[in-house]
Amino acid sequence: MTVRIDEMDRKILSALQADASQSMDDIAKAVGSSKTPVWNRIRKLREAGVIGQQTVALDAEALGFEACFFVLIRTSEHEAAWQKRFLEALRARPEVQEAHRLAGDIDYILKVRVKNARAYDVFYQALISEVKIHNVTALLSMEELKSTTMLPL
């Protein structure tokens, strides 16, 4: 379901994407409105599910998580019980930052952030002990060129 948003909503959402910790006064000033209408719009956007969880972006490398792996998974298992176990295993592992089911030759891709290659191996061994996986390929990211959660509004 898509929600109808107008130009003012887009301005508000852009301001929030840039820095959700801004005061309501600062957002209102940035979008050319007053505080109460902006607050009402934000409330409606939250209720509609357009605005989800608000978090803080942490610097992974500053915290010692220097290795980012993209993990390509092929499986010969496609029944609901396997998919449920796989999803539970992924959700239980904080190292998995993203997981996507794909169309094509690869069934799943994971973005896994760990301290080093040894930590990745611990993650890998735990994962394959919980769910049957046909083939796993891990690709180490040498350099992150761009990373954003901002949508092109």
N, C-alpha and C. Protein backbone atom coordinates (compact mmCIF):
# COMPACT_ATOMS: atom_id res chain seq x y z
N MET A 1 0.84 -1.18 0.00
CA MET A 1 0.00 0.00 0.00
C MET A 1 0.89 1.24 0.00
N THR A 2 0.67 2.12 -0.94
CA THR A 2 1.41 3.37 -0.97
C THR A 2 0.59 4.46 -0.31
N VAL A 3 1.29 5.37 0.31
CA VAL A 3 0.65 6.48 1.00
C VAL A 3 0.86 7.73 0.16
N ARG A 4 -0.17 8.54 0.05
CA ARG A 4 -0.04 9.79 -0.70
C ARG A 4 0.71 10.80 0.15
N ILE A 5 1.79 11.30 -0.42
CA ILE A 5 2.53 12.35 0.28
C ILE A 5 2.70 13.52 -0.67
N ASP A 6 2.64 14.71 -0.12
CA ASP A 6 2.78 15.91 -0.94
C ASP A 6 4.20 16.48 -0.78
N GLU A 7 4.42 17.61 -1.41
CA GLU A 7 5.76 18.22 -1.40
C GLU A 7 6.21 18.59 0.01
N MET A 8 5.30 19.05 0.86
CA MET A 8 5.66 19.38 2.23
C MET A 8 6.08 18.13 2.99
N ASP A 9 5.35 17.02 2.79
CA ASP A 9 5.73 15.76 3.42
C ASP A 9 7.13 15.34 2.97
N ARG A 10 7.41 15.50 1.68
CA ARG A 10 8.74 15.14 1.16
C ARG A 10 9.84 15.97 1.82
N LYS A 11 9.58 17.26 1.99
CA LYS A 11 10.56 18.13 2.65
C LYS A 11 10.80 17.69 4.10
N ILE A 12 9.72 17.37 4.79
CA ILE A 12 9.83 16.92 6.17
C ILE A 12 10.60 15.60 6.24
N LEU A 13 10.24 14.67 5.37
CA LEU A 13 10.93 13.37 5.36
C LEU A 13 12.40 13.52 5.01
N SER A 14 12.71 14.41 4.08
CA SER A 14 14.12 14.65 3.74
C SER A 14 14.88 15.21 4.94
N ALA A 15 14.25 16.14 5.65
CA ALA A 15 14.90 16.72 6.84
C ALA A 15 15.11 15.66 7.90
N LEU A 16 14.13 14.79 8.09
CA LEU A 16 14.27 13.72 9.08
C LEU A 16 15.33 12.70 8.68
N GLN A 17 15.38 12.37 7.37
CA GLN A 17 16.41 11.44 6.91
C GLN A 17 17.81 12.01 7.14
N ALA A 18 17.96 13.29 6.95
CA ALA A 18 19.27 13.91 7.12
C ALA A 18 19.69 13.92 8.58
N ASP A 19 18.73 14.18 9.50
CA ASP A 19 19.05 14.22 10.92
C ASP A 19 17.75 14.17 11.72
N ALA A 20 17.39 12.98 12.18
CA ALA A 20 16.14 12.80 12.91
C ALA A 20 16.20 13.36 14.33
N SER A 21 17.38 13.78 14.76
CA SER A 21 17.48 14.33 16.12
C SER A 21 17.20 15.84 16.16
N GLN A 22 16.92 16.42 15.00
CA GLN A 22 16.61 17.85 14.96
C GLN A 22 15.37 18.16 15.79
N SER A 23 15.32 19.35 16.33
CA SER A 23 14.12 19.78 17.05
C SER A 23 13.00 20.03 16.05
N MET A 24 11.78 20.01 16.55
CA MET A 24 10.63 20.30 15.70
C MET A 24 10.72 21.72 15.14
N ASP A 25 11.24 22.65 15.95
CA ASP A 25 11.43 24.02 15.47
C ASP A 25 12.38 24.07 14.29
N ASP A 26 13.49 23.33 14.38
CA ASP A 26 14.49 23.32 13.29
C ASP A 26 13.91 22.71 12.02
N ILE A 27 13.14 21.64 12.17
CA ILE A 27 12.52 21.00 11.00
C ILE A 27 11.52 21.96 10.37
N ALA A 28 10.69 22.58 11.19
CA ALA A 28 9.69 23.52 10.68
C ALA A 28 10.35 24.67 9.93
N LYS A 29 11.42 25.20 10.49
CA LYS A 29 12.14 26.29 9.84
C LYS A 29 12.74 25.83 8.50
N ALA A 30 13.30 24.63 8.49
CA ALA A 30 13.93 24.11 7.27
C ALA A 30 12.93 23.88 6.14
N VAL A 31 11.68 23.53 6.50
CA VAL A 31 10.68 23.24 5.47
C VAL A 31 9.73 24.41 5.22
N GLY A 32 9.91 25.51 5.94
CA GLY A 32 9.10 26.70 5.72
C GLY A 32 7.69 26.59 6.28
N SER A 33 7.59 26.04 7.46
CA SER A 33 6.28 25.90 8.09
C SER A 33 6.42 26.21 9.58
N SER A 34 5.34 26.00 10.31
CA SER A 34 5.41 26.18 11.77
C SER A 34 5.39 24.79 12.43
N LYS A 35 5.67 24.80 13.72
CA LYS A 35 5.89 23.56 14.46
C LYS A 35 4.67 22.63 14.50
N THR A 36 3.50 23.15 14.79
CA THR A 36 2.31 22.29 14.97
C THR A 36 1.93 21.54 13.69
N PRO A 37 1.86 22.22 12.53
CA PRO A 37 1.54 21.47 11.31
C PRO A 37 2.59 20.41 10.98
N VAL A 38 3.87 20.71 11.24
CA VAL A 38 4.93 19.74 10.98
C VAL A 38 4.77 18.55 11.91
N TRP A 39 4.52 18.82 13.20
CA TRP A 39 4.32 17.74 14.16
C TRP A 39 3.15 16.86 13.75
N ASN A 40 2.03 17.48 13.30
CA ASN A 40 0.86 16.70 12.87
C ASN A 40 1.17 15.84 11.65
N ARG A 41 1.92 16.38 10.71
CA ARG A 41 2.29 15.61 9.53
C ARG A 41 3.19 14.42 9.91
N ILE A 42 4.15 14.66 10.78
CA ILE A 42 5.05 13.58 11.21
C ILE A 42 4.24 12.49 11.92
N ARG A 43 3.31 12.88 12.77
CA ARG A 43 2.45 11.92 13.46
C ARG A 43 1.67 11.07 12.46
N LYS A 44 1.09 11.72 11.45
CA LYS A 44 0.31 10.99 10.43
C LYS A 44 1.21 10.06 9.61
N LEU A 45 2.42 10.52 9.30
CA LEU A 45 3.35 9.68 8.54
C LEU A 45 3.79 8.46 9.37
N ARG A 46 3.94 8.64 10.67
CA ARG A 46 4.26 7.50 11.55
C ARG A 46 3.09 6.53 11.58
N GLU A 47 1.90 7.04 11.77
CA GLU A 47 0.70 6.20 11.84
C GLU A 47 0.48 5.43 10.54
N ALA A 48 0.85 6.03 9.42
CA ALA A 48 0.69 5.38 8.11
C ALA A 48 1.82 4.38 7.83
N GLY A 49 2.82 4.35 8.70
CA GLY A 49 3.92 3.42 8.51
C GLY A 49 5.02 3.93 7.59
N VAL A 50 4.93 5.19 7.16
CA VAL A 50 5.97 5.77 6.31
C VAL A 50 7.25 5.98 7.12
N ILE A 51 7.10 6.44 8.35
CA ILE A 51 8.24 6.60 9.26
C ILE A 51 8.23 5.42 10.19
N GLY A 52 9.35 4.70 10.20
CA GLY A 52 9.48 3.53 11.06
C GLY A 52 10.37 3.82 12.25
N GLN A 53 11.07 2.81 12.67
CA GLN A 53 11.95 2.90 13.83
C GLN A 53 13.01 3.97 13.63
N GLN A 54 13.23 4.77 14.65
CA GLN A 54 14.29 5.77 14.60
C GLN A 54 15.48 5.26 15.41
N THR A 55 16.66 5.31 14.81
CA THR A 55 17.86 4.78 15.44
C THR A 55 19.00 5.77 15.30
N VAL A 56 20.14 5.36 15.77
CA VAL A 56 21.36 6.16 15.63
C VAL A 56 22.31 5.38 14.73
N ALA A 57 22.95 6.04 13.80
CA ALA A 57 23.93 5.40 12.93
C ALA A 57 25.28 5.37 13.65
N LEU A 58 25.80 4.17 13.85
CA LEU A 58 27.09 4.01 14.53
C LEU A 58 28.18 3.75 13.50
N ASP A 59 29.40 4.12 13.82
CA ASP A 59 30.55 3.87 12.95
C ASP A 59 31.11 2.50 13.29
N ALA A 60 30.87 1.53 12.41
CA ALA A 60 31.27 0.14 12.66
C ALA A 60 32.78 0.01 12.88
N GLU A 61 33.56 0.66 12.04
CA GLU A 61 35.01 0.54 12.17
C GLU A 61 35.52 1.15 13.47
N ALA A 62 34.94 2.26 13.88
CA ALA A 62 35.35 2.89 15.14
C ALA A 62 35.06 1.97 16.32
N LEU A 63 34.08 1.08 16.17
CA LEU A 63 33.73 0.15 17.22
C LEU A 63 34.41 -1.21 17.07
N GLY A 64 35.33 -1.31 16.08
CA GLY A 64 36.10 -2.53 15.92
C GLY A 64 35.53 -3.55 14.97
N PHE A 65 34.43 -3.23 14.30
CA PHE A 65 33.84 -4.15 13.32
C PHE A 65 34.41 -3.80 11.94
N GLU A 66 35.61 -4.28 11.69
CA GLU A 66 36.36 -3.86 10.51
C GLU A 66 36.08 -4.68 9.26
N ALA A 67 35.41 -5.83 9.41
CA ALA A 67 35.19 -6.70 8.25
C ALA A 67 33.71 -6.74 7.89
N CYS A 68 33.45 -6.47 6.62
CA CYS A 68 32.09 -6.56 6.09
C CYS A 68 32.11 -7.61 4.98
N PHE A 69 31.30 -8.65 5.16
CA PHE A 69 31.21 -9.73 4.18
C PHE A 69 29.83 -9.72 3.54
N PHE A 70 29.80 -9.94 2.24
CA PHE A 70 28.56 -10.21 1.54
C PHE A 70 28.54 -11.71 1.30
N VAL A 71 27.52 -12.36 1.82
CA VAL A 71 27.45 -13.81 1.82
C VAL A 71 26.37 -14.26 0.85
N LEU A 72 26.78 -15.00 -0.17
CA LEU A 72 25.85 -15.50 -1.18
C LEU A 72 25.49 -16.93 -0.81
N ILE A 73 24.21 -17.22 -0.73
CA ILE A 73 23.76 -18.54 -0.28
C ILE A 73 22.87 -19.17 -1.34
N ARG A 74 23.24 -20.41 -1.65
CA ARG A 74 22.39 -21.24 -2.50
C ARG A 74 21.90 -22.39 -1.64
N THR A 75 20.63 -22.73 -1.79
CA THR A 75 20.09 -23.85 -1.03
C THR A 75 19.28 -24.75 -1.94
N SER A 76 19.24 -26.02 -1.58
CA SER A 76 18.37 -26.94 -2.30
C SER A 76 17.07 -27.13 -1.52
N GLU A 77 16.99 -26.47 -0.38
CA GLU A 77 15.80 -26.56 0.48
C GLU A 77 14.92 -25.34 0.22
N HIS A 78 13.65 -25.58 -0.04
CA HIS A 78 12.75 -24.46 -0.29
C HIS A 78 11.41 -24.60 0.42
N GLU A 79 11.30 -25.61 1.28
CA GLU A 79 10.03 -25.79 1.98
C GLU A 79 9.91 -24.80 3.14
N ALA A 80 8.69 -24.61 3.60
CA ALA A 80 8.40 -23.61 4.62
C ALA A 80 9.16 -23.84 5.92
N ALA A 81 9.30 -25.08 6.33
CA ALA A 81 9.99 -25.38 7.60
C ALA A 81 11.46 -24.94 7.54
N TRP A 82 12.12 -25.19 6.42
CA TRP A 82 13.53 -24.77 6.27
C TRP A 82 13.61 -23.24 6.27
N GLN A 83 12.73 -22.60 5.52
CA GLN A 83 12.75 -21.14 5.46
C GLN A 83 12.53 -20.53 6.84
N LYS A 84 11.66 -21.13 7.62
CA LYS A 84 11.40 -20.64 8.99
C LYS A 84 12.66 -20.78 9.84
N ARG A 85 13.33 -21.93 9.81
CA ARG A 85 14.57 -22.14 10.57
C ARG A 85 15.65 -21.16 10.13
N PHE A 86 15.76 -20.96 8.82
CA PHE A 86 16.77 -20.05 8.28
C PHE A 86 16.51 -18.62 8.76
N LEU A 87 15.28 -18.17 8.66
CA LEU A 87 14.91 -16.83 9.11
C LEU A 87 15.18 -16.66 10.60
N GLU A 88 14.84 -17.65 11.39
CA GLU A 88 15.11 -17.59 12.83
C GLU A 88 16.60 -17.51 13.11
N ALA A 89 17.40 -18.29 12.36
CA ALA A 89 18.85 -18.26 12.54
C ALA A 89 19.41 -16.88 12.20
N LEU A 90 18.91 -16.26 11.13
CA LEU A 90 19.38 -14.93 10.74
C LEU A 90 18.99 -13.88 11.78
N ARG A 91 17.76 -13.94 12.24
CA ARG A 91 17.29 -12.96 13.22
C ARG A 91 18.03 -13.08 14.55
N ALA A 92 18.52 -14.26 14.86
CA ALA A 92 19.22 -14.48 16.13
C ALA A 92 20.66 -13.99 16.09
N ARG A 93 21.15 -13.63 14.91
CA ARG A 93 22.55 -13.24 14.76
C ARG A 93 22.67 -11.74 14.49
N PRO A 94 23.18 -10.98 15.47
CA PRO A 94 23.32 -9.54 15.28
C PRO A 94 24.34 -9.17 14.22
N GLU A 95 25.20 -10.11 13.83
CA GLU A 95 26.18 -9.83 12.77
C GLU A 95 25.51 -9.59 11.42
N VAL A 96 24.31 -10.14 11.24
CA VAL A 96 23.59 -10.01 9.97
C VAL A 96 22.89 -8.66 9.96
N GLN A 97 23.41 -7.74 9.16
CA GLN A 97 22.81 -6.41 9.06
C GLN A 97 21.68 -6.37 8.05
N GLU A 98 21.81 -7.15 7.00
CA GLU A 98 20.77 -7.22 5.97
C GLU A 98 20.69 -8.64 5.45
N ALA A 99 19.51 -9.03 5.03
CA ALA A 99 19.30 -10.33 4.40
C ALA A 99 18.22 -10.15 3.34
N HIS A 100 18.50 -10.67 2.15
CA HIS A 100 17.56 -10.53 1.04
C HIS A 100 17.40 -11.88 0.35
N ARG A 101 16.15 -12.21 -0.02
CA ARG A 101 15.88 -13.37 -0.87
C ARG A 101 15.90 -12.86 -2.30
N LEU A 102 16.60 -13.57 -3.16
CA LEU A 102 16.84 -13.08 -4.51
C LEU A 102 16.16 -13.92 -5.58
N ALA A 103 15.99 -13.32 -6.74
CA ALA A 103 15.62 -14.04 -7.94
C ALA A 103 16.92 -14.35 -8.68
N GLY A 104 16.99 -15.49 -9.32
CA GLY A 104 18.20 -15.84 -10.07
C GLY A 104 18.93 -17.02 -9.47
N ASP A 105 20.23 -17.12 -9.78
CA ASP A 105 21.04 -18.27 -9.37
C ASP A 105 21.34 -18.31 -7.88
N ILE A 106 21.41 -17.17 -7.25
CA ILE A 106 21.67 -17.09 -5.81
C ILE A 106 20.34 -16.95 -5.10
N ASP A 107 20.15 -17.72 -4.04
CA ASP A 107 18.87 -17.68 -3.31
C ASP A 107 18.80 -16.53 -2.31
N TYR A 108 19.91 -16.29 -1.59
CA TYR A 108 19.93 -15.26 -0.55
C TYR A 108 21.25 -14.52 -0.57
N ILE A 109 21.22 -13.26 -0.16
CA ILE A 109 22.46 -12.51 0.07
C ILE A 109 22.34 -11.88 1.46
N LEU A 110 23.42 -11.97 2.21
CA LEU A 110 23.48 -11.40 3.54
C LEU A 110 24.59 -10.37 3.59
N LYS A 111 24.38 -9.33 4.35
CA LYS A 111 25.44 -8.38 4.68
C LYS A 111 25.79 -8.67 6.14
N VAL A 112 27.03 -9.09 6.36
CA VAL A 112 27.47 -9.53 7.69
C VAL A 112 28.63 -8.65 8.13
N ARG A 113 28.49 -8.03 9.29
CA ARG A 113 29.54 -7.14 9.82
C ARG A 113 30.14 -7.81 11.05
N VAL A 114 31.46 -8.04 11.01
CA VAL A 114 32.18 -8.70 12.11
C VAL A 114 33.51 -8.00 12.34
N LYS A 115 34.19 -8.39 13.42
CA LYS A 115 35.48 -7.77 13.76
C LYS A 115 36.59 -8.16 12.80
N ASN A 116 36.58 -9.44 12.34
CA ASN A 116 37.66 -9.92 11.48
C ASN A 116 37.24 -11.25 10.82
N ALA A 117 38.16 -11.84 10.05
CA ALA A 117 37.86 -13.07 9.33
C ALA A 117 37.58 -14.23 10.29
N ARG A 118 38.28 -14.27 11.40
CA ARG A 118 38.05 -15.33 12.39
C ARG A 118 36.61 -15.24 12.94
N ALA A 119 36.15 -14.03 13.21
CA ALA A 119 34.79 -13.83 13.69
C ALA A 119 33.77 -14.24 12.62
N TYR A 120 34.10 -14.00 11.34
CA TYR A 120 33.21 -14.45 10.28
C TYR A 120 33.13 -15.97 10.28
N ASP A 121 34.25 -16.64 10.46
CA ASP A 121 34.25 -18.10 10.47
C ASP A 121 33.38 -18.64 11.60
N VAL A 122 33.44 -18.02 12.76
CA VAL A 122 32.58 -18.43 13.88
C VAL A 122 31.11 -18.28 13.48
N PHE A 123 30.78 -17.16 12.86
CA PHE A 123 29.42 -16.93 12.37
C PHE A 123 29.02 -18.01 11.36
N TYR A 124 29.89 -18.25 10.39
CA TYR A 124 29.63 -19.23 9.33
C TYR A 124 29.41 -20.63 9.91
N GLN A 125 30.29 -21.05 10.80
CA GLN A 125 30.17 -22.39 11.39
C GLN A 125 28.85 -22.53 12.16
N ALA A 126 28.47 -21.51 12.88
CA ALA A 126 27.21 -21.55 13.63
C ALA A 126 26.03 -21.63 12.68
N LEU A 127 26.05 -20.85 11.61
CA LEU A 127 24.94 -20.84 10.66
C LEU A 127 24.76 -22.20 10.01
N ILE A 128 25.84 -22.79 9.50
CA ILE A 128 25.70 -24.07 8.80
C ILE A 128 25.40 -25.23 9.75
N SER A 129 25.64 -25.03 11.05
CA SER A 129 25.27 -26.08 12.00
C SER A 129 23.77 -26.06 12.29
N GLU A 130 23.12 -24.93 12.03
CA GLU A 130 21.69 -24.80 12.31
C GLU A 130 20.80 -25.08 11.11
N VAL A 131 21.25 -24.73 9.92
CA VAL A 131 20.43 -24.94 8.73
C VAL A 131 21.27 -25.54 7.62
N LYS A 132 20.65 -26.42 6.85
CA LYS A 132 21.32 -27.06 5.72
C LYS A 132 21.41 -26.06 4.57
N ILE A 133 22.65 -25.81 4.13
CA ILE A 133 22.89 -24.88 3.03
C ILE A 133 23.70 -25.59 1.97
N HIS A 134 23.28 -25.49 0.72
CA HIS A 134 23.95 -26.18 -0.37
C HIS A 134 25.31 -25.56 -0.69
N ASN A 135 25.37 -24.22 -0.77
CA ASN A 135 26.62 -23.56 -1.13
C ASN A 135 26.65 -22.16 -0.52
N VAL A 136 27.82 -21.80 0.01
CA VAL A 136 28.01 -20.48 0.60
C VAL A 136 29.26 -19.87 -0.02
N THR A 137 29.14 -18.63 -0.49
CA THR A 137 30.28 -17.87 -0.97
C THR A 137 30.33 -16.57 -0.19
N ALA A 138 31.49 -16.32 0.42
CA ALA A 138 31.65 -15.08 1.18
C ALA A 138 32.57 -14.14 0.43
N LEU A 139 32.14 -12.90 0.27
CA LEU A 139 32.92 -11.89 -0.42
C LEU A 139 33.27 -10.79 0.58
N LEU A 140 34.55 -10.55 0.78
CA LEU A 140 34.99 -9.52 1.71
C LEU A 140 34.99 -8.17 1.01
N SER A 141 34.30 -7.20 1.59
CA SER A 141 34.31 -5.85 1.06
C SER A 141 35.65 -5.21 1.40
N MET A 142 36.37 -4.78 0.40
CA MET A 142 37.68 -4.15 0.61
C MET A 142 37.53 -2.68 1.01
N GLU A 143 36.47 -2.04 0.49
CA GLU A 143 36.26 -0.63 0.78
C GLU A 143 34.79 -0.30 0.54
N GLU A 144 34.17 0.38 1.49
CA GLU A 144 32.80 0.83 1.32
C GLU A 144 32.82 2.16 0.59
N LEU A 145 32.25 2.20 -0.59
CA LEU A 145 32.28 3.40 -1.41
C LEU A 145 31.08 4.30 -1.14
N LYS A 146 29.95 3.69 -0.80
CA LYS A 146 28.75 4.46 -0.47
C LYS A 146 27.85 3.60 0.39
N SER A 147 27.29 4.21 1.40
CA SER A 147 26.31 3.54 2.23
C SER A 147 25.33 4.60 2.72
N THR A 148 24.07 4.36 2.51
CA THR A 148 23.05 5.30 2.96
C THR A 148 21.75 4.56 3.22
N THR A 149 20.95 5.12 4.08
CA THR A 149 19.60 4.62 4.27
C THR A 149 18.60 5.62 3.70
N MET A 150 19.10 6.74 3.17
CA MET A 150 18.22 7.79 2.66
C MET A 150 17.59 7.41 1.32
N LEU A 151 16.29 7.59 1.23
CA LEU A 151 15.58 7.35 -0.02
C LEU A 151 15.59 8.62 -0.88
N PRO A 152 15.60 8.47 -2.19
CA PRO A 152 15.63 9.65 -3.08
C PRO A 152 14.23 10.26 -3.22
N LEU A 153 13.87 11.08 -2.28
CA LEU A 153 12.52 11.69 -2.28
C LEU A 153 12.44 12.81 -3.28
